[in-house]
Structure formats: C-alpha cells, structure tokens
N, C-alpha and C. Protein backbone atom coordinates (compact mmCIF):
# COMPACT_ATOMS: atom_id res chain seq x y z
N MET A 1 -6.99 5.28 -34.62
CA MET A 1 -5.44 5.95 -33.39
C MET A 1 -5.43 4.17 -33.08
N GLU A 2 -4.11 3.56 -33.10
CA GLU A 2 -3.69 2.28 -32.46
C GLU A 2 -3.45 2.05 -31.09
N LYS A 3 -3.07 1.65 -30.33
CA LYS A 3 -2.50 1.74 -29.15
C LYS A 3 -1.92 0.21 -28.50
N ARG A 4 -0.95 0.32 -28.35
CA ARG A 4 0.00 -0.74 -27.57
C ARG A 4 0.35 -0.66 -25.99
N ILE A 5 0.20 -1.20 -25.39
CA ILE A 5 0.61 -1.64 -23.75
C ILE A 5 2.36 -1.93 -23.80
N ILE A 6 2.95 -1.31 -23.20
CA ILE A 6 4.28 -2.09 -22.68
C ILE A 6 4.14 -2.86 -21.12
N ASN A 7 4.33 -3.83 -20.81
CA ASN A 7 4.31 -4.27 -19.42
C ASN A 7 4.77 -5.33 -19.40
N PRO A 8 6.35 -5.17 -19.58
CA PRO A 8 6.88 -6.11 -19.16
C PRO A 8 7.09 -7.21 -17.20
N TRP A 9 6.08 -6.54 -16.67
CA TRP A 9 5.58 -7.19 -15.03
C TRP A 9 4.52 -6.99 -15.21
N LYS A 10 3.85 -7.57 -13.94
CA LYS A 10 2.65 -7.76 -13.11
C LYS A 10 2.38 -6.31 -12.04
N TRP A 11 3.69 -6.03 -11.27
CA TRP A 11 2.92 -5.54 -10.72
C TRP A 11 2.45 -3.59 -10.66
N GLN A 12 2.92 -3.33 -11.66
CA GLN A 12 2.49 -2.14 -11.22
C GLN A 12 0.52 -1.86 -12.18
N ASP A 13 -0.04 -2.90 -12.03
CA ASP A 13 -1.23 -3.16 -12.68
C ASP A 13 -2.18 -2.92 -10.81
N ASP A 14 -1.78 -2.86 -10.02
CA ASP A 14 -2.56 -2.77 -8.85
C ASP A 14 -2.28 -1.25 -8.12
N ARG A 15 -1.28 -0.22 -8.83
CA ARG A 15 -1.02 0.87 -8.83
C ARG A 15 -1.38 1.53 -9.86
N HIS A 16 -2.52 1.60 -11.14
CA HIS A 16 -3.00 1.92 -11.67
C HIS A 16 -1.80 2.73 -12.72
N TYR A 17 -1.15 2.26 -14.09
CA TYR A 17 -0.63 2.76 -14.47
C TYR A 17 -0.17 2.13 -15.32
N VAL A 18 0.55 1.74 -16.38
CA VAL A 18 0.99 1.02 -17.79
C VAL A 18 2.53 1.70 -17.91
N GLN A 19 3.71 0.86 -17.84
CA GLN A 19 5.14 1.09 -18.35
C GLN A 19 5.60 1.81 -19.38
N ALA A 20 4.47 1.48 -20.14
CA ALA A 20 4.73 2.88 -22.20
C ALA A 20 3.27 2.54 -22.51
N VAL A 21 3.09 3.33 -23.57
CA VAL A 21 1.73 2.90 -24.02
C VAL A 21 2.74 3.51 -25.69
N GLU A 22 2.49 2.35 -26.69
CA GLU A 22 2.37 3.13 -27.83
C GLU A 22 1.55 3.69 -28.52
N VAL A 23 1.81 4.52 -29.40
CA VAL A 23 0.70 5.08 -30.50
C VAL A 23 1.11 5.29 -31.52
N THR A 24 0.05 4.22 -32.62
CA THR A 24 0.04 5.02 -34.06
C THR A 24 -1.21 5.65 -34.34
N GLN A 25 -0.49 5.76 -35.92
CA GLN A 25 -2.03 6.72 -36.45
C GLN A 25 -2.32 7.50 -35.77
N VAL A 26 -2.14 8.17 -35.24
CA VAL A 26 -2.91 9.45 -34.49
C VAL A 26 -3.18 11.34 -35.30
N GLN A 27 -4.43 10.92 -34.74
CA GLN A 27 -5.03 11.99 -35.83
C GLN A 27 -5.27 13.30 -34.92
N GLY A 28 -5.05 12.93 -33.75
CA GLY A 28 -4.52 14.29 -32.88
C GLY A 28 -3.81 14.23 -31.76
N THR A 29 -3.38 14.85 -30.89
CA THR A 29 -3.29 14.91 -30.12
C THR A 29 -3.30 15.76 -28.70
N LEU A 30 -3.69 15.72 -27.65
CA LEU A 30 -4.16 16.78 -26.62
C LEU A 30 -3.30 17.20 -25.49
N TYR A 31 -2.76 18.44 -25.04
CA TYR A 31 -1.94 18.09 -23.83
C TYR A 31 -2.37 19.12 -23.32
N CYS A 32 -2.42 18.42 -21.93
CA CYS A 32 -3.69 19.26 -21.16
C CYS A 32 -2.99 19.77 -19.57
N ALA A 33 -3.20 21.01 -19.62
CA ALA A 33 -2.65 22.08 -18.39
C ALA A 33 -3.01 20.90 -17.11
N GLY A 34 -1.50 20.72 -15.71
CA GLY A 34 -2.52 20.44 -14.84
C GLY A 34 -4.16 20.82 -14.39
N GLN A 35 -4.86 20.27 -13.89
CA GLN A 35 -6.41 20.59 -13.79
C GLN A 35 -6.09 19.83 -12.53
N ALA A 36 -6.59 20.50 -11.25
CA ALA A 36 -7.05 20.79 -9.72
C ALA A 36 -8.12 21.16 -9.02
N ALA A 37 -8.28 21.67 -8.28
CA ALA A 37 -9.47 21.17 -7.08
C ALA A 37 -10.25 22.95 -7.86
N VAL A 38 -9.49 23.61 -8.88
CA VAL A 38 -10.33 24.47 -8.56
C VAL A 38 -11.62 24.87 -9.18
N LEU A 39 -12.83 26.00 -8.35
CA LEU A 39 -14.16 25.36 -8.76
C LEU A 39 -14.51 26.50 -9.73
N PRO A 40 -15.97 26.42 -10.28
CA PRO A 40 -16.03 27.23 -11.32
C PRO A 40 -15.97 28.87 -11.53
N ASP A 41 -16.03 29.84 -10.05
CA ASP A 41 -15.53 30.82 -10.04
C ASP A 41 -14.50 31.42 -9.61
N GLY A 42 -12.98 30.42 -9.99
CA GLY A 42 -11.97 30.56 -10.32
C GLY A 42 -11.23 30.31 -9.32
N THR A 43 -12.47 29.42 -7.75
CA THR A 43 -11.18 29.87 -6.37
C THR A 43 -10.63 28.25 -6.21
N SER A 44 -9.58 28.74 -5.43
CA SER A 44 -9.31 26.98 -5.15
C SER A 44 -9.80 26.28 -3.83
N SER A 45 -10.34 25.68 -3.99
CA SER A 45 -11.07 24.28 -3.26
C SER A 45 -9.76 24.39 -1.68
N THR A 46 -10.28 24.76 -0.80
CA THR A 46 -9.91 23.89 0.52
C THR A 46 -10.38 22.62 1.60
N ALA A 47 -11.16 21.93 0.38
CA ALA A 47 -11.70 20.87 0.64
C ALA A 47 -10.61 19.76 0.71
N ASP A 48 -10.71 18.57 1.83
CA ASP A 48 -9.52 17.13 2.29
C ASP A 48 -9.54 17.17 0.24
N MET A 49 -8.43 16.17 0.94
CA MET A 49 -8.13 15.75 -0.38
C MET A 49 -8.80 14.21 -1.52
N LYS A 50 -9.36 13.77 -1.04
CA LYS A 50 -10.74 13.35 -2.02
C LYS A 50 -11.18 14.30 -2.29
N THR A 51 -12.02 15.02 -1.79
CA THR A 51 -12.67 15.74 -2.32
C THR A 51 -11.89 16.53 -3.59
N GLN A 52 -10.77 17.02 -3.13
CA GLN A 52 -10.11 18.09 -4.07
C GLN A 52 -9.51 16.96 -5.32
N LEU A 53 -9.61 15.71 -5.57
CA LEU A 53 -9.11 15.02 -6.01
C LEU A 53 -10.88 14.29 -7.02
N LEU A 54 -11.93 14.28 -6.34
CA LEU A 54 -13.19 14.72 -7.39
C LEU A 54 -13.20 15.53 -7.95
N ILE A 55 -12.36 16.65 -7.81
CA ILE A 55 -12.74 17.92 -8.14
C ILE A 55 -12.20 18.40 -9.91
N ALA A 56 -10.98 18.01 -9.21
CA ALA A 56 -9.42 17.92 -9.83
C ALA A 56 -10.06 16.32 -11.01
N ILE A 57 -9.93 15.41 -11.60
CA ILE A 57 -10.96 14.34 -12.57
C ILE A 57 -12.15 14.95 -13.13
N GLU A 58 -12.65 15.71 -12.38
CA GLU A 58 -13.85 16.56 -13.11
C GLU A 58 -13.80 17.38 -13.80
N ASN A 59 -12.86 18.43 -13.00
CA ASN A 59 -12.02 19.19 -14.13
C ASN A 59 -11.68 18.58 -15.41
N LEU A 60 -10.98 17.31 -15.01
CA LEU A 60 -9.26 17.38 -16.38
C LEU A 60 -10.39 16.04 -17.14
N GLU A 61 -11.60 15.62 -17.10
CA GLU A 61 -12.93 15.70 -17.83
C GLU A 61 -13.51 16.26 -18.97
N ARG A 62 -13.56 17.46 -18.48
CA ARG A 62 -13.85 18.24 -19.08
C ARG A 62 -13.38 18.96 -20.36
N VAL A 63 -12.61 19.18 -19.31
CA VAL A 63 -11.15 19.65 -20.92
C VAL A 63 -11.23 18.68 -21.98
N ILE A 64 -11.01 18.00 -21.67
CA ILE A 64 -10.90 16.72 -22.59
C ILE A 64 -12.03 16.46 -23.16
N THR A 65 -13.31 16.55 -23.21
CA THR A 65 -14.48 16.34 -23.60
C THR A 65 -15.00 17.90 -24.07
N GLN A 66 -14.57 18.12 -24.06
CA GLN A 66 -14.87 19.96 -24.26
C GLN A 66 -13.74 20.07 -26.25
N ALA A 67 -12.52 19.01 -25.40
CA ALA A 67 -11.92 19.28 -26.70
C ALA A 67 -12.42 18.27 -27.45
N GLY A 68 -13.48 17.54 -27.78
CA GLY A 68 -13.49 16.41 -28.76
C GLY A 68 -13.07 14.74 -28.00
N TYR A 69 -12.13 15.00 -27.32
CA TYR A 69 -11.28 13.53 -26.93
C TYR A 69 -12.22 12.66 -26.21
N GLU A 70 -11.42 11.81 -25.81
CA GLU A 70 -12.39 10.71 -24.56
C GLU A 70 -10.89 10.61 -23.46
N THR A 71 -11.67 10.90 -22.18
CA THR A 71 -10.84 9.98 -21.31
C THR A 71 -9.76 9.26 -21.53
N LYS A 72 -11.07 7.83 -21.78
CA LYS A 72 -10.20 6.52 -22.01
C LYS A 72 -8.68 6.73 -22.54
N ASN A 73 -8.64 7.72 -23.28
CA ASN A 73 -7.94 7.75 -24.97
C ASN A 73 -6.04 8.41 -23.43
N ILE A 74 -6.84 9.00 -22.54
CA ILE A 74 -5.45 9.39 -22.04
C ILE A 74 -4.20 8.07 -21.52
N VAL A 75 -2.95 8.72 -22.41
CA VAL A 75 -2.09 8.07 -22.54
C VAL A 75 -0.71 7.99 -21.97
N ARG A 76 -0.57 9.61 -20.76
CA ARG A 76 0.22 10.35 -20.17
C ARG A 76 -0.19 10.56 -19.24
N LEU A 77 -0.20 10.60 -17.65
CA LEU A 77 -0.97 11.32 -16.75
C LEU A 77 -0.08 11.25 -15.71
N THR A 78 0.25 12.74 -14.96
CA THR A 78 1.24 13.18 -13.85
C THR A 78 0.28 13.25 -12.80
N VAL A 79 0.44 12.74 -11.74
CA VAL A 79 0.20 13.35 -10.67
C VAL A 79 1.30 13.92 -9.82
N TYR A 80 0.19 15.11 -9.32
CA TYR A 80 0.92 16.53 -8.23
C TYR A 80 0.85 16.00 -7.16
N THR A 81 1.08 15.95 -5.77
CA THR A 81 0.59 15.40 -4.69
C THR A 81 1.51 16.62 -3.42
N THR A 82 0.93 17.46 -2.65
CA THR A 82 1.46 17.80 -1.51
C THR A 82 1.85 16.64 -0.29
N SER A 83 0.73 15.41 -0.52
CA SER A 83 1.43 14.90 0.27
C SER A 83 1.12 13.11 -0.43
N HIS A 84 2.00 12.38 -0.33
CA HIS A 84 1.88 11.37 -1.06
C HIS A 84 1.15 10.40 -0.26
N GLU A 85 1.50 10.33 1.83
CA GLU A 85 0.64 10.28 2.73
C GLU A 85 -1.19 10.53 1.80
N GLU A 86 -1.62 10.87 2.19
CA GLU A 86 -3.00 11.56 1.75
C GLU A 86 -3.46 11.05 0.65
N PHE A 87 -2.96 12.06 -0.64
CA PHE A 87 -3.39 10.46 -1.59
C PHE A 87 -3.32 9.29 -1.59
N LEU A 88 -2.36 8.03 -0.85
CA LEU A 88 -2.25 6.98 -0.89
C LEU A 88 -3.55 6.58 -0.03
N ALA A 89 -4.29 7.35 0.73
CA ALA A 89 -4.96 6.95 1.87
C ALA A 89 -6.70 7.11 0.83
N VAL A 90 -6.28 7.80 -0.10
CA VAL A 90 -7.52 8.20 -1.20
C VAL A 90 -7.13 7.22 -2.53
N PHE A 91 -5.86 6.42 -2.71
CA PHE A 91 -5.46 5.48 -4.06
C PHE A 91 -7.06 5.29 -4.22
N ASP A 92 -7.79 4.56 -3.60
CA ASP A 92 -9.13 3.73 -4.64
C ASP A 92 -9.51 4.86 -5.37
N THR A 93 -9.68 5.52 -5.00
CA THR A 93 -10.94 6.49 -5.66
C THR A 93 -9.93 6.72 -6.41
N PHE A 94 -8.55 7.20 -6.79
CA PHE A 94 -7.87 7.25 -8.33
C PHE A 94 -8.44 6.34 -8.77
N GLY A 95 -8.34 5.06 -8.40
CA GLY A 95 -8.21 3.78 -8.88
C GLY A 95 -9.23 3.12 -9.70
N GLU A 96 -10.51 4.04 -9.14
CA GLU A 96 -11.63 3.11 -9.44
C GLU A 96 -12.13 4.12 -11.10
N TRP A 97 -11.79 5.06 -10.74
CA TRP A 97 -11.61 6.05 -11.88
C TRP A 97 -10.97 5.93 -13.09
N ILE A 98 -9.62 5.15 -12.97
CA ILE A 98 -9.35 4.93 -14.20
C ILE A 98 -9.90 3.61 -14.89
N ALA A 99 -10.10 2.78 -13.07
CA ALA A 99 -10.69 1.68 -14.06
C ALA A 99 -11.93 1.91 -14.75
N LYS A 100 -13.17 2.50 -14.43
CA LYS A 100 -14.42 2.86 -15.11
C LYS A 100 -14.07 3.41 -16.62
N ASN A 101 -13.26 3.75 -16.39
CA ASN A 101 -13.03 4.62 -17.81
C ASN A 101 -12.09 4.01 -18.66
N ASP A 102 -11.14 2.68 -18.43
CA ASP A 102 -10.45 1.66 -19.20
C ASP A 102 -9.21 2.79 -19.51
N ILE A 103 -8.65 3.75 -18.88
CA ILE A 103 -7.65 3.98 -18.99
C ILE A 103 -6.20 3.12 -19.09
N LYS A 104 -5.51 3.26 -19.68
CA LYS A 104 -4.06 2.62 -19.88
C LYS A 104 -2.50 3.04 -20.19
N GLN A 105 -2.32 4.11 -18.67
CA GLN A 105 -1.72 5.60 -18.78
C GLN A 105 -0.47 5.33 -18.46
N ALA A 106 0.27 5.88 -20.02
CA ALA A 106 2.16 5.77 -18.15
C ALA A 106 2.01 6.67 -17.73
N GLY A 107 2.01 6.53 -15.95
CA GLY A 107 1.89 7.68 -14.79
C GLY A 107 3.12 8.22 -14.20
N THR A 108 3.12 8.64 -13.58
CA THR A 108 4.75 9.33 -12.24
C THR A 108 3.53 10.45 -11.68
N PHE A 109 3.91 9.87 -10.89
CA PHE A 109 3.37 10.65 -8.82
C PHE A 109 4.87 11.29 -8.78
N VAL A 110 4.48 11.85 -8.19
CA VAL A 110 5.30 13.23 -7.86
C VAL A 110 4.74 13.96 -5.76
N GLU A 111 5.16 13.58 -5.60
CA GLU A 111 5.09 14.88 -3.97
C GLU A 111 6.06 16.04 -4.60
N VAL A 112 5.42 17.12 -4.42
CA VAL A 112 5.53 18.63 -4.46
C VAL A 112 5.59 19.42 -3.05
N LYS A 113 6.09 20.38 -2.58
CA LYS A 113 6.37 20.93 -1.36
C LYS A 113 4.56 21.88 -1.92
N GLU A 114 4.88 22.60 -2.39
CA GLU A 114 3.33 23.03 -2.75
C GLU A 114 2.76 23.51 -3.65
N LEU A 115 1.25 23.09 -3.87
CA LEU A 115 0.89 23.54 -4.93
C LEU A 115 -0.10 24.59 -5.18
N TYR A 116 -0.65 25.26 -6.02
CA TYR A 116 -0.94 27.30 -5.94
C TYR A 116 -1.87 26.96 -5.19
N GLU A 117 -2.03 28.14 -4.51
CA GLU A 117 -3.15 28.46 -2.63
C GLU A 117 -3.03 27.22 -2.21
N THR A 118 -4.25 26.38 -1.71
CA THR A 118 -4.71 25.38 -0.86
C THR A 118 -5.03 24.27 -1.75
N LEU A 119 -4.23 23.72 -2.63
CA LEU A 119 -4.29 22.54 -3.94
C LEU A 119 -3.65 21.49 -3.15
N LYS A 120 -4.52 20.45 -2.89
CA LYS A 120 -3.59 19.32 -3.08
C LYS A 120 -2.97 18.35 -3.95
N VAL A 121 -3.32 18.34 -4.74
CA VAL A 121 -3.27 17.77 -6.13
C VAL A 121 -4.05 18.38 -7.14
N GLU A 122 -2.76 17.40 -8.76
CA GLU A 122 -2.76 18.03 -9.66
C GLU A 122 -2.86 17.18 -11.02
N LEU A 123 -3.37 17.05 -11.82
CA LEU A 123 -3.32 16.35 -13.00
C LEU A 123 -3.49 16.57 -14.12
N GLU A 124 -2.07 16.40 -14.75
CA GLU A 124 -1.67 16.82 -15.97
C GLU A 124 -1.65 15.32 -16.84
N ALA A 125 -2.34 15.57 -17.96
CA ALA A 125 -2.78 14.33 -19.07
C ALA A 125 -2.12 14.41 -20.31
N THR A 126 -1.72 13.38 -21.20
CA THR A 126 -1.51 13.82 -23.00
C THR A 126 -2.18 12.64 -23.30
N VAL A 127 -3.65 13.05 -24.04
CA VAL A 127 -4.78 12.23 -24.83
C VAL A 127 -4.78 12.36 -26.57
N VAL A 128 -5.00 11.15 -26.57
CA VAL A 128 -4.90 11.01 -28.00
C VAL A 128 -6.19 10.75 -28.65
N ARG A 129 -5.70 11.15 -30.28
CA ARG A 129 -7.77 10.59 -30.90
C ARG A 129 -6.89 10.06 -32.20
C-alpha cells in the first residue's frame, strides 16, 4: 500500500487532519462503524467528553487491531460530537492520539443534535492495508 498526502495549505496541520489522501496498491479496506464510549457490557458511558473520547479511541483501536489493520493507516475519520465546545476543550487529547499514531487522515468534524443514549462523541473510520 502506498499513501500520498495532498495538502495545498498548512493551516489544517494544527487541526490534525489532511485535505486528501490518495491510496494505491491497497490489499484491503476496513470500513469501521462509528465507535463511541460504549462499555464492554454494552452500556453507554455517562462520563465527561474527555473520558468518552478516550473510550471511543480505545474501542476504535480494538476494532482495527482485531481486523488485522493498523491505526496509523486510518485514511478517513469522521468525528461526530454533540457539542463542538466540549470537544474543542479536549481537542489536545484527540491531537495527541493522532500524532502518537502518525495518522494522516482526511477528516470531517460534525456537531449533531444527539447520539445514542448518553454518548457525546463517535469516531467513524476507514482504514487501508
């Protein structure tokens, strides 16, 4: 698999995404359902945004790893949140995860009216191999 990042500007770098990712010679593509702060027993977390973000990240990583893919090969990531204000307050946590895993993804951030039950953030990814 080969990836090429397309960034006509620099301003997106501080926002932890790229404008486009071209992928060639792909051996597989994994489309992940939205991963949120759902606990192992299937209950939705009632925790704050940061805690829910960390649980959602952990759940996404688990799905990716179990499928035999690597987190660094996320090429598309959509973040749904019930509050941009709350999410931006923990944006550094999100950025640290992106940097730690050397993820270069086309990203979209969307505020929605609500997510399932008490959930505050959901991560939907496409991963390649």
